Amino acid sequence: MSYIGKVAYDANEQVIEIDQAAYDAEVARLEVELTAEEISQREAEEAEWNAGAFDRAMADLRSRRNQLLASSDWTQCADVTLTVEMDAA
């Protein structure tokens, strides 16, 4: 039996009805305690992820900027000097 949200499915992926107590019992059964080593490892992973937040934000910003530039008419910017061929097109 698997749970998605609070809807349960049997092995044949048929919806079955469950009550809140059965749902809570199944969730509690699946929870495990982490060892000190596992907790340290998880904290290190989170610290590494958080340390990269600025870089990820800048990459997202750069990607959005590039999309906007690609969709704009960059040839109309004041600092763009068009060649004769570009101007003819």
N, C-alpha and C. Protein backbone atom coordinates (compact mmCIF):
# COMPACT_ATOMS: atom_id res chain seq x y z
N MET A 1 0.85 -1.17 0.00
CA MET A 1 0.00 0.00 0.00
C MET A 1 0.90 1.23 0.00
N SER A 2 0.57 2.23 -0.79
CA SER A 2 1.33 3.48 -0.77
C SER A 2 0.38 4.64 -0.51
N TYR A 3 0.95 5.72 0.01
CA TYR A 3 0.15 6.90 0.33
C TYR A 3 0.67 8.08 -0.47
N ILE A 4 -0.22 8.79 -1.13
CA ILE A 4 0.11 10.02 -1.82
C ILE A 4 -0.85 11.05 -1.28
N GLY A 5 -0.31 12.05 -0.61
CA GLY A 5 -1.19 12.97 0.10
C GLY A 5 -1.92 12.19 1.16
N LYS A 6 -3.21 12.25 1.16
CA LYS A 6 -3.98 11.46 2.12
C LYS A 6 -4.89 10.50 1.38
N VAL A 7 -4.50 10.15 0.18
CA VAL A 7 -5.21 9.16 -0.60
C VAL A 7 -4.33 7.92 -0.64
N ALA A 8 -4.89 6.77 -0.38
CA ALA A 8 -4.13 5.54 -0.38
C ALA A 8 -4.45 4.73 -1.62
N TYR A 9 -3.43 4.04 -2.11
CA TYR A 9 -3.58 3.17 -3.27
C TYR A 9 -3.09 1.78 -2.88
N ASP A 10 -3.82 0.77 -3.34
CA ASP A 10 -3.37 -0.59 -3.08
C ASP A 10 -2.35 -0.99 -4.14
N ALA A 11 -1.91 -2.25 -4.11
CA ALA A 11 -0.89 -2.74 -5.03
C ALA A 11 -1.34 -2.65 -6.49
N ASN A 12 -2.64 -2.65 -6.74
CA ASN A 12 -3.18 -2.54 -8.09
C ASN A 12 -3.50 -1.09 -8.48
N GLU A 13 -3.02 -0.16 -7.65
CA GLU A 13 -3.23 1.27 -7.86
C GLU A 13 -4.70 1.67 -7.82
N GLN A 14 -5.48 0.93 -7.05
CA GLN A 14 -6.88 1.26 -6.84
C GLN A 14 -6.97 2.12 -5.57
N VAL A 15 -7.78 3.18 -5.63
CA VAL A 15 -7.95 4.04 -4.46
C VAL A 15 -8.67 3.27 -3.38
N ILE A 16 -8.13 3.36 -2.17
CA ILE A 16 -8.80 2.74 -1.02
C ILE A 16 -9.00 3.82 0.04
N GLU A 17 -10.02 3.67 0.83
CA GLU A 17 -10.31 4.64 1.87
C GLU A 17 -9.54 4.30 3.13
N ILE A 18 -8.98 5.33 3.74
CA ILE A 18 -8.30 5.15 5.02
C ILE A 18 -8.77 6.26 5.95
N ASP A 19 -8.62 6.03 7.23
CA ASP A 19 -8.95 7.09 8.17
C ASP A 19 -7.65 7.77 8.62
N GLN A 20 -7.76 8.89 9.29
CA GLN A 20 -6.60 9.66 9.71
C GLN A 20 -5.68 8.85 10.61
N ALA A 21 -6.23 8.05 11.51
CA ALA A 21 -5.42 7.25 12.43
C ALA A 21 -4.56 6.25 11.66
N ALA A 22 -5.13 5.62 10.63
CA ALA A 22 -4.37 4.65 9.83
C ALA A 22 -3.26 5.37 9.06
N TYR A 23 -3.56 6.54 8.57
CA TYR A 23 -2.56 7.32 7.85
C TYR A 23 -1.41 7.70 8.78
N ASP A 24 -1.74 8.22 9.96
CA ASP A 24 -0.73 8.61 10.93
C ASP A 24 0.11 7.42 11.37
N ALA A 25 -0.51 6.26 11.54
CA ALA A 25 0.22 5.06 11.95
C ALA A 25 1.21 4.64 10.87
N GLU A 26 0.82 4.73 9.62
CA GLU A 26 1.71 4.35 8.52
C GLU A 26 2.88 5.31 8.42
N VAL A 27 2.62 6.59 8.58
CA VAL A 27 3.70 7.58 8.54
C VAL A 27 4.66 7.34 9.69
N ALA A 28 4.15 7.11 10.89
CA ALA A 28 5.00 6.86 12.05
C ALA A 28 5.85 5.61 11.84
N ARG A 29 5.29 4.61 11.19
CA ARG A 29 6.02 3.37 10.94
C ARG A 29 7.20 3.61 10.01
N LEU A 30 7.06 4.57 9.11
CA LEU A 30 8.11 4.83 8.12
C LEU A 30 9.21 5.76 8.63
N GLU A 31 8.96 6.47 9.72
CA GLU A 31 9.96 7.38 10.26
C GLU A 31 11.08 6.59 10.94
N VAL A 32 12.31 7.06 10.75
CA VAL A 32 13.46 6.41 11.39
C VAL A 32 14.30 7.48 12.07
N GLU A 33 14.95 7.11 13.12
CA GLU A 33 15.87 8.01 13.82
C GLU A 33 17.22 7.98 13.10
N LEU A 34 17.83 9.14 12.96
CA LEU A 34 19.14 9.23 12.32
C LEU A 34 20.23 9.11 13.39
N THR A 35 21.35 8.54 12.97
CA THR A 35 22.49 8.48 13.87
C THR A 35 23.15 9.86 13.90
N ALA A 36 24.05 10.06 14.86
CA ALA A 36 24.77 11.33 14.96
C ALA A 36 25.57 11.58 13.68
N GLU A 37 26.14 10.53 13.13
CA GLU A 37 26.91 10.67 11.89
C GLU A 37 26.00 11.09 10.73
N GLU A 38 24.82 10.49 10.64
CA GLU A 38 23.87 10.85 9.58
C GLU A 38 23.38 12.28 9.74
N ILE A 39 23.17 12.69 10.99
CA ILE A 39 22.75 14.07 11.24
C ILE A 39 23.84 15.04 10.82
N SER A 40 25.10 14.74 11.16
CA SER A 40 26.23 15.59 10.77
C SER A 40 26.35 15.67 9.26
N GLN A 41 26.19 14.54 8.60
CA GLN A 41 26.28 14.50 7.14
C GLN A 41 25.16 15.35 6.53
N ARG A 42 23.95 15.22 7.06
CA ARG A 42 22.81 15.98 6.55
C ARG A 42 23.02 17.47 6.77
N GLU A 43 23.52 17.84 7.94
CA GLU A 43 23.78 19.25 8.22
C GLU A 43 24.85 19.81 7.29
N ALA A 44 25.87 19.01 6.99
CA ALA A 44 26.92 19.43 6.05
C ALA A 44 26.34 19.62 4.65
N GLU A 45 25.46 18.72 4.24
CA GLU A 45 24.80 18.85 2.93
C GLU A 45 23.96 20.11 2.86
N GLU A 46 23.22 20.39 3.93
CA GLU A 46 22.39 21.60 3.96
C GLU A 46 23.25 22.85 3.95
N ALA A 47 24.37 22.84 4.70
CA ALA A 47 25.27 24.00 4.72
C ALA A 47 25.86 24.24 3.34
N GLU A 48 26.24 23.15 2.66
CA GLU A 48 26.79 23.28 1.31
C GLU A 48 25.74 23.84 0.35
N TRP A 49 24.52 23.35 0.46
CA TRP A 49 23.42 23.84 -0.39
C TRP A 49 23.17 25.32 -0.12
N ASN A 50 23.10 25.69 1.15
CA ASN A 50 22.85 27.09 1.51
C ASN A 50 23.99 27.99 1.08
N ALA A 51 25.22 27.50 1.13
CA ALA A 51 26.37 28.29 0.71
C ALA A 51 26.32 28.61 -0.78
N GLY A 52 25.67 27.76 -1.55
CA GLY A 52 25.57 27.97 -2.99
C GLY A 52 24.34 28.77 -3.40
N ALA A 53 23.57 29.26 -2.43
CA ALA A 53 22.32 29.97 -2.74
C ALA A 53 22.56 31.21 -3.60
N PHE A 54 23.59 31.99 -3.26
CA PHE A 54 23.86 33.20 -4.03
C PHE A 54 24.22 32.85 -5.47
N ASP A 55 25.08 31.85 -5.65
CA ASP A 55 25.48 31.44 -7.00
C ASP A 55 24.28 30.95 -7.81
N ARG A 56 23.38 30.19 -7.18
CA ARG A 56 22.19 29.72 -7.88
C ARG A 56 21.27 30.89 -8.25
N ALA A 57 21.14 31.84 -7.33
CA ALA A 57 20.30 33.01 -7.61
C ALA A 57 20.88 33.82 -8.76
N MET A 58 22.20 33.99 -8.79
CA MET A 58 22.84 34.74 -9.87
C MET A 58 22.71 34.00 -11.20
N ALA A 59 22.82 32.69 -11.17
CA ALA A 59 22.66 31.90 -12.40
C ALA A 59 21.23 32.03 -12.92
N ASP A 60 20.25 32.00 -12.02
CA ASP A 60 18.86 32.19 -12.43
C ASP A 60 18.65 33.58 -13.01
N LEU A 61 19.23 34.59 -12.36
CA LEU A 61 19.11 35.96 -12.84
C LEU A 61 19.76 36.12 -14.21
N ARG A 62 20.94 35.53 -14.36
CA ARG A 62 21.65 35.60 -15.64
C ARG A 62 20.85 34.91 -16.75
N SER A 63 20.26 33.78 -16.42
CA SER A 63 19.44 33.06 -17.39
C SER A 63 18.25 33.89 -17.81
N ARG A 64 17.57 34.50 -16.85
CA ARG A 64 16.41 35.35 -17.16
C ARG A 64 16.83 36.55 -18.00
N ARG A 65 17.96 37.17 -17.62
CA ARG A 65 18.48 38.31 -18.38
C ARG A 65 18.76 37.90 -19.82
N ASN A 66 19.41 36.75 -20.00
CA ASN A 66 19.73 36.29 -21.35
C ASN A 66 18.47 36.01 -22.17
N GLN A 67 17.45 35.47 -21.52
CA GLN A 67 16.18 35.23 -22.22
C GLN A 67 15.56 36.56 -22.67
N LEU A 68 15.58 37.54 -21.78
CA LEU A 68 15.00 38.84 -22.13
C LEU A 68 15.80 39.52 -23.24
N LEU A 69 17.12 39.42 -23.16
CA LEU A 69 17.95 40.01 -24.22
C LEU A 69 17.71 39.32 -25.56
N ALA A 70 17.60 38.01 -25.52
CA ALA A 70 17.38 37.26 -26.76
C ALA A 70 16.04 37.62 -27.40
N SER A 71 15.07 37.94 -26.57
CA SER A 71 13.75 38.25 -27.12
C SER A 71 13.58 39.74 -27.44
N SER A 72 14.58 40.55 -27.11
CA SER A 72 14.48 41.98 -27.40
C SER A 72 15.16 42.32 -28.72
N ASP A 73 14.96 43.53 -29.18
CA ASP A 73 15.61 44.00 -30.40
C ASP A 73 16.87 44.74 -29.99
N TRP A 74 17.93 43.97 -29.68
CA TRP A 74 19.16 44.55 -29.17
C TRP A 74 19.85 45.49 -30.16
N THR A 75 19.48 45.42 -31.43
CA THR A 75 20.13 46.28 -32.43
C THR A 75 19.71 47.73 -32.27
N GLN A 76 18.68 47.98 -31.47
CA GLN A 76 18.21 49.35 -31.30
C GLN A 76 18.85 50.06 -30.11
N CYS A 77 19.75 49.37 -29.42
CA CYS A 77 20.46 50.00 -28.31
C CYS A 77 21.40 51.07 -28.85
N ALA A 78 21.62 52.13 -28.08
CA ALA A 78 22.44 53.26 -28.51
C ALA A 78 23.89 52.88 -28.75
N ASP A 79 24.38 51.85 -28.07
CA ASP A 79 25.80 51.51 -28.21
C ASP A 79 26.07 50.47 -29.29
N VAL A 80 25.10 50.14 -30.12
CA VAL A 80 25.27 49.15 -31.19
C VAL A 80 25.52 49.87 -32.50
N THR A 81 26.67 49.55 -33.10
CA THR A 81 26.98 50.10 -34.42
C THR A 81 26.71 49.01 -35.44
N LEU A 82 25.78 49.27 -36.33
CA LEU A 82 25.40 48.27 -37.32
C LEU A 82 26.31 48.35 -38.54
N THR A 83 26.64 47.19 -39.05
CA THR A 83 27.37 47.14 -40.33
C THR A 83 26.37 47.43 -41.43
N VAL A 84 26.87 47.69 -42.63
CA VAL A 84 25.99 47.95 -43.78
C VAL A 84 25.08 46.75 -44.03
N GLU A 85 25.65 45.55 -43.90
CA GLU A 85 24.86 44.33 -44.13
C GLU A 85 23.75 44.19 -43.07
N MET A 86 24.09 44.50 -41.84
CA MET A 86 23.09 44.38 -40.76
C MET A 86 21.98 45.41 -40.97
N ASP A 87 22.37 46.63 -41.38
CA ASP A 87 21.41 47.69 -41.56
C ASP A 87 20.48 47.41 -42.74
N ALA A 88 20.99 46.72 -43.75
CA ALA A 88 20.19 46.40 -44.93
C ALA A 88 19.15 45.32 -44.63
N ALA A 89 19.42 44.50 -43.63
CA ALA A 89 18.52 43.39 -43.32
C ALA A 89 17.34 43.83 -42.58
